[in-house]
C-alpha atoms as a PDB file:
ATOM      1  CA  MET A   1     136.218  71.359  33.112  1.00  0.00           C
ATOM      2  CA  GLN A   2     137.522  71.001  29.590  1.00  0.00           C
ATOM      3  CA  ARG A   3     134.579  68.725  28.768  1.00  0.00           C
ATOM      4  CA  GLN A   4     132.022  71.350  29.962  1.00  0.00           C
ATOM      5  CA  ALA A   5     133.788  74.058  27.867  1.00  0.00           C
ATOM      6  CA  LYS A   6     133.579  71.796  24.847  1.00  0.00           C
ATOM      7  CA  PHE A   7     129.841  71.271  25.320  1.00  0.00           C
ATOM      8  CA  LYS A   8     129.268  74.953  25.925  1.00  0.00           C
ATOM      9  CA  THR A   9     131.008  75.790  22.632  1.00  0.00           C
ATOM     10  CA  TYR A  10     128.955  73.107  20.857  1.00  0.00           C
ATOM     11  CA  ASP A  11     125.693  74.470  22.375  1.00  0.00           C
ATOM     12  CA  MET A  12     126.522  77.961  21.212  1.00  0.00           C
ATOM     13  CA  THR A  13     127.326  76.782  17.684  1.00  0.00           C
ATOM     14  CA  VAL A  14     124.092  74.790  17.508  1.00  0.00           C
ATOM     15  CA  GLY A  15     122.203  77.868  18.866  1.00  0.00           C
ATOM     16  CA  ILE A  16     123.674  80.049  16.153  1.00  0.00           C
ATOM     17  CA  HIS A  17     122.775  77.530  13.436  1.00  0.00           C
ATOM     18  CA  ASN A  18     119.239  77.160  14.856  1.00  0.00           C
ATOM     19  CA  ALA A  19     118.883  80.947  14.819  1.00  0.00           C
ATOM     20  CA  LYS A  20     119.929  81.084  11.142  1.00  0.00           C
ATOM     21  CA  LEU A  21     117.522  78.253  10.348  1.00  0.00           C
ATOM     22  CA  LYS A  22     114.699  80.071  12.065  1.00  0.00           C
ATOM     23  CA  VAL A  23     115.438  83.292  10.059  1.00  0.00           C
ATOM     24  CA  ILE A  24     115.353  81.298   6.823  1.00  0.00           C
ATOM     25  CA  ALA A  25     112.130  79.547   7.792  1.00  0.00           C
ATOM     26  CA  ARG A  26     110.516  82.847   8.725  1.00  0.00           C
ATOM     27  CA  ASN A  27     111.528  84.322   5.381  1.00  0.00           C
ATOM     28  CA  VAL A  28     110.053  81.330   3.541  1.00  0.00           C
ATOM     29  CA  LEU A  29     106.760  81.557   5.503  1.00  0.00           C
ATOM     30  CA  ASN A  30     106.461  85.309   4.927  1.00  0.00           C
ATOM     31  CA  SER A  31     107.359  85.296   1.200  1.00  0.00           C
ATOM     32  CA  ASP A  32     104.543  85.648  -1.235  1.00  0.00           C
ATOM     33  CA  VAL A  33     103.759  82.583  -3.362  1.00  0.00           C
ATOM     34  CA  PRO A  34     102.915  83.551  -6.913  1.00  0.00           C
ATOM     35  CA  ILE A  35      99.236  83.075  -7.738  1.00  0.00           C
ATOM     36  CA  ARG A  36      98.508  80.397 -10.371  1.00  0.00           C
ATOM     37  CA  TYR A  37      96.878  82.742 -12.886  1.00  0.00           C
ATOM     38  CA  LYS A  38      99.907  85.083 -12.714  1.00  0.00           C
ATOM     39  CA  ILE A  39     102.197  82.165 -13.439  1.00  0.00           C
ATOM     40  CA  SER A  40     100.080  80.961 -16.346  1.00  0.00           C
ATOM     41  CA  LEU A  41      99.698  84.494 -17.746  1.00  0.00           C
ATOM     42  CA  ARG A  42     103.507  84.939 -17.562  1.00  0.00           C
ATOM     43  CA  ASP A  43     104.037  81.593 -19.286  1.00  0.00           C
ATOM     44  CA  ASP A  44     101.533  82.446 -22.022  1.00  0.00           C
ATOM     45  CA  ILE A  45     103.193  85.784 -22.642  1.00  0.00           C
ATOM     46  CA  LEU A  46     106.659  84.212 -22.737  1.00  0.00           C
ATOM     47  CA  ALA A  47     105.401  81.507 -25.151  1.00  0.00           C
ATOM     48  CA  MET A  48     103.844  84.163 -27.421  1.00  0.00           C
ATOM     49  CA  LYS A  49     107.099  86.182 -27.429  1.00  0.00           C
ATOM     50  CA  GLU A  50     109.040  83.114 -28.265  1.00  0.00           C
ATOM     51  CA  LYS A  51     106.741  82.281 -31.156  1.00  0.00           C
ATOM     52  CA  GLU A  52     107.041  85.798 -32.502  1.00  0.00           C
ATOM     53  CA  ARG A  53     110.837  85.678 -32.049  1.00  0.00           C
ATOM     54  CA  LEU A  54     111.008  82.558 -34.065  1.00  0.00           C
ATOM     55  CA  GLY A  55     108.880  84.077 -36.798  1.00  0.00           C
ATOM     56  CA  PHE A  56     105.783  81.976 -36.634  1.00  0.00           C
ATOM     57  CA  ASN A  57     103.697  85.114 -36.281  1.00  0.00           C
ATOM     58  CA  PHE A  58     105.786  87.403 -38.401  1.00  0.00           C
ATOM     59  CA  ASN A  59     103.287  87.949 -41.231  1.00  0.00           C
ATOM     60  CA  ARG A  60     100.220  88.333 -39.102  1.00  0.00           C
ATOM     61  CA  SER A  61      98.261  91.466 -39.324  1.00  0.00           C
ATOM     62  CA  LEU A  62      98.197  93.943 -36.472  1.00  0.00           C
ATOM     63  CA  ALA A  63      94.531  93.203 -35.817  1.00  0.00           C
ATOM     64  CA  ALA A  64      95.157  89.496 -35.551  1.00  0.00           C
ATOM     65  CA  SER A  65      98.126  90.051 -33.268  1.00  0.00           C
ATOM     66  CA  LEU A  66      96.120  92.296 -30.944  1.00  0.00           C
ATOM     67  CA  ARG A  67      93.241  89.860 -30.979  1.00  0.00           C
ATOM     68  CA  SER A  68      95.566  87.056 -29.972  1.00  0.00           C
ATOM     69  CA  ARG A  69      97.016  89.117 -27.193  1.00  0.00           C
ATOM     70  CA  TRP A  70      93.580  90.094 -25.993  1.00  0.00           C
ATOM     71  CA  ASP A  71      92.541  86.414 -25.963  1.00  0.00           C
ATOM     72  CA  VAL A  72      95.496  85.665 -23.665  1.00  0.00           C
ATOM     73  CA  VAL A  73      94.370  88.453 -21.295  1.00  0.00           C
ATOM     74  CA  GLU A  74      90.709  87.290 -21.421  1.00  0.00           C
ATOM     75  CA  ASN A  75      91.688  83.675 -20.718  1.00  0.00           C
ATOM     76  CA  ALA A  76      93.838  84.744 -17.744  1.00  0.00           C
ATOM     77  CA  THR A  77      90.881  86.806 -16.422  1.00  0.00           C
ATOM     78  CA  LYS A  78      88.522  83.899 -16.820  1.00  0.00           C
ATOM     79  CA  SER A  79      90.876  81.592 -14.920  1.00  0.00           C
ATOM     80  CA  PHE A  80      91.383  84.203 -12.228  1.00  0.00           C
ATOM     81  CA  LEU A  81      87.648  84.621 -11.751  1.00  0.00           C
ATOM     82  CA  GLN A  82      87.145  80.886 -11.735  1.00  0.00           C
ATOM     83  CA  GLU A  83      89.655  80.568  -8.966  1.00  0.00           C
ATOM     84  CA  ILE A  84      87.773  83.178  -7.010  1.00  0.00           C
ATOM     85  CA  VAL A  85      84.462  81.327  -7.490  1.00  0.00           C
ATOM     86  CA  ASP A  86      86.146  78.042  -6.513  1.00  0.00           C
ATOM     87  CA  MET A  87      87.538  79.601  -3.401  1.00  0.00           C
ATOM     88  CA  ASN A  88      84.137  81.047  -2.504  1.00  0.00           C
ATOM     89  CA  ASP A  89      82.543  77.556  -2.938  1.00  0.00           C
ATOM     90  CA  GLN A  90      85.183  76.086  -0.682  1.00  0.00           C
ATOM     91  CA  ILE A  91      84.649  78.752   1.936  1.00  0.00           C
ATOM     92  CA  GLU A  92      80.857  78.050   1.832  1.00  0.00           C
ATOM     93  CA  ASP A  93      81.484  74.246   2.161  1.00  0.00           C
ATOM     94  CA  ASP A  94      83.826  74.817   5.137  1.00  0.00           C
ATOM     95  CA  SER A  95      81.312  77.092   6.843  1.00  0.00           C
ATOM     96  CA  LYS A  96      78.515  74.571   6.435  1.00  0.00           C
ATOM     97  CA  LYS A  97      80.747  71.823   7.751  1.00  0.00           C
ATOM     98  CA  ASN A  98      81.663  73.899  10.752  1.00  0.00           C
ATOM     99  CA  GLU A  99      78.057  74.804  11.341  1.00  0.00           C
ATOM    100  CA  ARG A 100      77.088  71.094  11.344  1.00  0.00           C
ATOM    101  CA  GLN A 101      79.934  70.326  13.776  1.00  0.00           C
ATOM    102  CA  ILE A 102      78.835  73.088  16.125  1.00  0.00           C
ATOM    103  CA  MET A 103      75.179  72.037  16.005  1.00  0.00           C
ATOM    104  CA  GLY A 104      76.186  68.463  16.693  1.00  0.00           C
ATOM    105  CA  LEU A 105      78.307  69.606  19.608  1.00  0.00           C
ATOM    106  CA  ILE A 106      75.442  71.679  21.001  1.00  0.00           C
ATOM    107  CA  PHE A 107      72.995  68.781  20.615  1.00  0.00           C
ATOM    108  CA  THR A 108      75.393  66.408  22.279  1.00  0.00           C
ATOM    109  CA  ARG A 109      75.995  68.786  25.198  1.00  0.00           C
ATOM    110  CA  SER A 110      72.266  69.453  25.659  1.00  0.00           C
ATOM    111  CA  THR A 111      71.552  65.753  25.569  1.00  0.00           C
ATOM    112  CA  ASN A 112      74.176  65.056  28.157  1.00  0.00           C
ATOM    113  CA  LEU A 113      72.787  67.853  30.353  1.00  0.00           C
ATOM    114  CA  GLY A 114      69.229  66.651  29.916  1.00  0.00           C
ATOM    115  CA  LEU A 115      68.077  69.737  28.148  1.00  0.00           C
ATOM    116  CA  GLU A 116      66.959  68.153  24.897  1.00  0.00           C
ATOM    117  CA  SER A 117      64.218  70.193  23.269  1.00  0.00           C
ATOM    118  CA  ARG A 118      60.875  68.451  22.810  1.00  0.00           C
END
C-alpha cells in the first residue's frame, strides 16, 4: 500500500512537471520570431546611434546625416524585398517538385492499373 501511494505521488509530480513543460513549449511555438530584416535594421540603427554618441558623426551636416539614415532604410527595404523574392522562388520550386511527384504517382498508378495513355 505504501509503495502504491509513493508511485501515485511520483506520477502526480511528473504530471505537473510535464504540464508545465507543455505550457512552456506551447509558448515557444506560438511566439513570434523576429524577421531577419527587422533584426538587421535594428542593429544598423543601434550602430549608427553608437557612432553618433561617440562623436564620429558630430560635425556632419544635416543633409549628410539624413542621407545616411535614408540609406539605412533603403538597404533594409532592399533586403526585405529580396527575402520576399527568395521566398516566392522557393514556393515556386516546391510547387514544381510537388507537381512532378503527383504526376509520377499518377503515371505509376495508371501503369499499374493498365490505363497507360497511348
